[in-house]
Amino acid sequence: MGRALIHIILIAIIMALLVTAVAGTANSRGVRQQILEKQTALLLDSAVPGMEFIIPKKNIGGFVHSVDLRDGNVFVGVDNFKSLKGYPYFTRYSVDVRDEDTKFVVSVS
């Protein structure tokens, strides 16, 4: 009876650690995505016509699979996690995003 109780307690502890680790991974993915969106928006805010900047698909924040500009917001998809909220940017210039093999090229004109 005592051994069974110890085994149940150990299993519960292991399950709690596993759930905590998985929850931390899900939260960090969202944070990395928000950081990339904010960095891109800040670059767009300070850009002048003729500037181009590159967002590598294999990024320190994860694998970037999409960069979209809609309704004055930057949406960056990271690790097959689609952006729902986006981050606002303010520019009076035209901005274009090109998807190339290993990167996204953002052009301001």
C-alpha atoms as a PDB file:
ATOM      1  CA  MET A   1       0.000   0.000   0.000  1.00  0.00           C
ATOM      2  CA  GLY A   2       2.839   2.403   0.878  1.00  0.00           C
ATOM      3  CA  ARG A   3       4.711   1.666  -2.366  1.00  0.00           C
ATOM      4  CA  ALA A   4       1.629   2.297  -4.482  1.00  0.00           C
ATOM      5  CA  LEU A   5       1.126   5.652  -2.785  1.00  0.00           C
ATOM      6  CA  ILE A   6       4.755   6.640  -3.428  1.00  0.00           C
ATOM      7  CA  HIS A   7       4.442   5.620  -7.106  1.00  0.00           C
ATOM      8  CA  ILE A   8       1.257   7.652  -7.497  1.00  0.00           C
ATOM      9  CA  ILE A   9       2.936  10.701  -5.953  1.00  0.00           C
ATOM     10  CA  LEU A  10       5.994  10.320  -8.229  1.00  0.00           C
ATOM     11  CA  ILE A  11       3.784   9.985 -11.326  1.00  0.00           C
ATOM     12  CA  ALA A  12       1.845  13.096 -10.313  1.00  0.00           C
ATOM     13  CA  ILE A  13       5.089  15.058  -9.891  1.00  0.00           C
ATOM     14  CA  ILE A  14       6.379  13.924 -13.293  1.00  0.00           C
ATOM     15  CA  MET A  15       3.080  14.846 -14.958  1.00  0.00           C
ATOM     16  CA  ALA A  16       3.130  18.289 -13.318  1.00  0.00           C
ATOM     17  CA  LEU A  17       6.678  18.888 -14.601  1.00  0.00           C
ATOM     18  CA  LEU A  18       5.682  17.771 -18.103  1.00  0.00           C
ATOM     19  CA  VAL A  19       2.632  20.055 -18.204  1.00  0.00           C
ATOM     20  CA  THR A  20       4.730  22.981 -16.936  1.00  0.00           C
ATOM     21  CA  ALA A  21       7.382  22.410 -19.630  1.00  0.00           C
ATOM     22  CA  VAL A  22       4.796  22.229 -22.429  1.00  0.00           C
ATOM     23  CA  ALA A  23       3.027  25.387 -21.219  1.00  0.00           C
ATOM     24  CA  GLY A  24       6.347  27.256 -21.138  1.00  0.00           C
ATOM     25  CA  THR A  25       7.084  26.263 -24.743  1.00  0.00           C
ATOM     26  CA  ALA A  26       3.712  27.473 -25.980  1.00  0.00           C
ATOM     27  CA  ASN A  27       4.120  30.812 -24.225  1.00  0.00           C
ATOM     28  CA  SER A  28       7.660  31.404 -25.483  1.00  0.00           C
ATOM     29  CA  ARG A  29       6.560  30.801 -29.091  1.00  0.00           C
ATOM     30  CA  GLY A  30       3.987  33.563 -28.789  1.00  0.00           C
ATOM     31  CA  VAL A  31       6.533  35.906 -27.210  1.00  0.00           C
ATOM     32  CA  ARG A  32       9.059  35.263 -30.002  1.00  0.00           C
ATOM     33  CA  GLN A  33       6.357  36.005 -32.550  1.00  0.00           C
ATOM     34  CA  GLN A  34       5.388  39.268 -30.858  1.00  0.00           C
ATOM     35  CA  ILE A  35       9.037  40.342 -30.696  1.00  0.00           C
ATOM     36  CA  LEU A  36       9.496  39.767 -34.442  1.00  0.00           C
ATOM     37  CA  GLU A  37       6.290  41.696 -35.188  1.00  0.00           C
ATOM     38  CA  LYS A  38       7.379  44.622 -33.016  1.00  0.00           C
ATOM     39  CA  GLN A  39      10.897  44.714 -34.495  1.00  0.00           C
ATOM     40  CA  THR A  40       9.478  44.726 -38.026  1.00  0.00           C
ATOM     41  CA  ALA A  41       6.974  47.468 -37.179  1.00  0.00           C
ATOM     42  CA  LEU A  42       9.710  49.632 -35.638  1.00  0.00           C
ATOM     43  CA  LEU A  43      11.874  49.192 -38.727  1.00  0.00           C
ATOM     44  CA  LEU A  44       8.940  50.229 -40.917  1.00  0.00           C
ATOM     45  CA  ASP A  45       8.254  53.265 -38.736  1.00  0.00           C
ATOM     46  CA  SER A  46      11.794  54.579 -39.221  1.00  0.00           C
ATOM     47  CA  ALA A  47      12.278  53.516 -42.865  1.00  0.00           C
ATOM     48  CA  VAL A  48      12.670  55.966 -45.743  1.00  0.00           C
ATOM     49  CA  PRO A  49      11.983  55.336 -49.457  1.00  0.00           C
ATOM     50  CA  GLY A  50      14.597  53.129 -51.084  1.00  0.00           C
ATOM     51  CA  MET A  51      15.295  51.055 -47.972  1.00  0.00           C
ATOM     52  CA  GLU A  52      15.087  47.284 -47.968  1.00  0.00           C
ATOM     53  CA  PHE A  53      15.548  44.971 -45.041  1.00  0.00           C
ATOM     54  CA  ILE A  54      15.636  41.212 -44.770  1.00  0.00           C
ATOM     55  CA  ILE A  55      13.848  38.871 -42.380  1.00  0.00           C
ATOM     56  CA  PRO A  56      15.550  35.452 -42.585  1.00  0.00           C
ATOM     57  CA  LYS A  57      13.187  32.487 -42.514  1.00  0.00           C
ATOM     58  CA  LYS A  58      15.529  30.592 -40.190  1.00  0.00           C
ATOM     59  CA  ASN A  59      15.520  33.132 -37.387  1.00  0.00           C
ATOM     60  CA  ILE A  60      16.731  33.034 -33.798  1.00  0.00           C
ATOM     61  CA  GLY A  61      13.081  33.504 -32.792  1.00  0.00           C
ATOM     62  CA  GLY A  62      12.016  30.397 -34.731  1.00  0.00           C
ATOM     63  CA  PHE A  63      11.159  29.505 -38.332  1.00  0.00           C
ATOM     64  CA  VAL A  64       9.343  32.432 -39.956  1.00  0.00           C
ATOM     65  CA  HIS A  65       6.813  31.075 -42.455  1.00  0.00           C
ATOM     66  CA  SER A  66       4.904  34.283 -43.274  1.00  0.00           C
ATOM     67  CA  VAL A  67       5.166  38.067 -43.114  1.00  0.00           C
ATOM     68  CA  ASP A  68       1.992  39.994 -43.963  1.00  0.00           C
ATOM     69  CA  LEU A  69       1.088  43.671 -43.886  1.00  0.00           C
ATOM     70  CA  ARG A  70      -2.671  44.246 -43.529  1.00  0.00           C
ATOM     71  CA  ASP A  71      -4.699  47.184 -42.276  1.00  0.00           C
ATOM     72  CA  GLY A  72      -1.646  48.966 -40.877  1.00  0.00           C
ATOM     73  CA  ASN A  73      -0.505  45.919 -38.887  1.00  0.00           C
ATOM     74  CA  VAL A  74       2.467  43.569 -39.232  1.00  0.00           C
ATOM     75  CA  PHE A  75       1.629  39.861 -38.955  1.00  0.00           C
ATOM     76  CA  VAL A  76       4.526  37.392 -38.602  1.00  0.00           C
ATOM     77  CA  GLY A  77       3.898  33.642 -38.569  1.00  0.00           C
ATOM     78  CA  VAL A  78       6.466  31.689 -36.535  1.00  0.00           C
ATOM     79  CA  ASP A  79       6.798  27.900 -36.260  1.00  0.00           C
ATOM     80  CA  ASN A  80       3.421  27.282 -37.970  1.00  0.00           C
ATOM     81  CA  PHE A  81       1.789  29.515 -35.351  1.00  0.00           C
ATOM     82  CA  LYS A  82      -0.402  32.038 -37.134  1.00  0.00           C
ATOM     83  CA  SER A  83      -0.452  35.626 -35.925  1.00  0.00           C
ATOM     84  CA  LEU A  84      -3.890  36.767 -34.811  1.00  0.00           C
ATOM     85  CA  LYS A  85      -3.363  40.257 -33.431  1.00  0.00           C
ATOM     86  CA  GLY A  86      -0.392  41.739 -35.291  1.00  0.00           C
ATOM     87  CA  TYR A  87       1.477  44.903 -34.364  1.00  0.00           C
ATOM     88  CA  PRO A  88       0.633  48.357 -35.751  1.00  0.00           C
ATOM     89  CA  TYR A  89       3.086  50.315 -37.884  1.00  0.00           C
ATOM     90  CA  PHE A  90       2.885  53.881 -39.123  1.00  0.00           C
ATOM     91  CA  THR A  91       4.413  54.971 -42.411  1.00  0.00           C
ATOM     92  CA  ARG A  92       3.325  57.242 -45.206  1.00  0.00           C
ATOM     93  CA  TYR A  93       5.315  55.274 -47.771  1.00  0.00           C
ATOM     94  CA  SER A  94       4.398  52.214 -49.796  1.00  0.00           C
ATOM     95  CA  VAL A  95       5.674  48.942 -48.312  1.00  0.00           C
ATOM     96  CA  ASP A  96       6.037  45.632 -50.164  1.00  0.00           C
ATOM     97  CA  VAL A  97       7.009  42.167 -48.873  1.00  0.00           C
ATOM     98  CA  ARG A  98       8.607  39.598 -51.199  1.00  0.00           C
ATOM     99  CA  ASP A  99       8.914  35.929 -50.256  1.00  0.00           C
ATOM    100  CA  GLU A 100      12.221  34.498 -51.466  1.00  0.00           C
ATOM    101  CA  ASP A 101      13.768  31.071 -50.838  1.00  0.00           C
ATOM    102  CA  THR A 102      15.433  31.690 -47.485  1.00  0.00           C
ATOM    103  CA  LYS A 103      14.171  35.152 -46.541  1.00  0.00           C
ATOM    104  CA  PHE A 104      11.484  37.793 -46.717  1.00  0.00           C
ATOM    105  CA  VAL A 105      12.522  41.096 -48.285  1.00  0.00           C
ATOM    106  CA  VAL A 106      10.626  44.182 -47.096  1.00  0.00           C
ATOM    107  CA  SER A 107      10.930  47.163 -49.487  1.00  0.00           C
ATOM    108  CA  VAL A 108       9.904  50.733 -48.775  1.00  0.00           C
ATOM    109  CA  SER A 109       9.186  53.070 -51.696  1.00  0.00           C
END
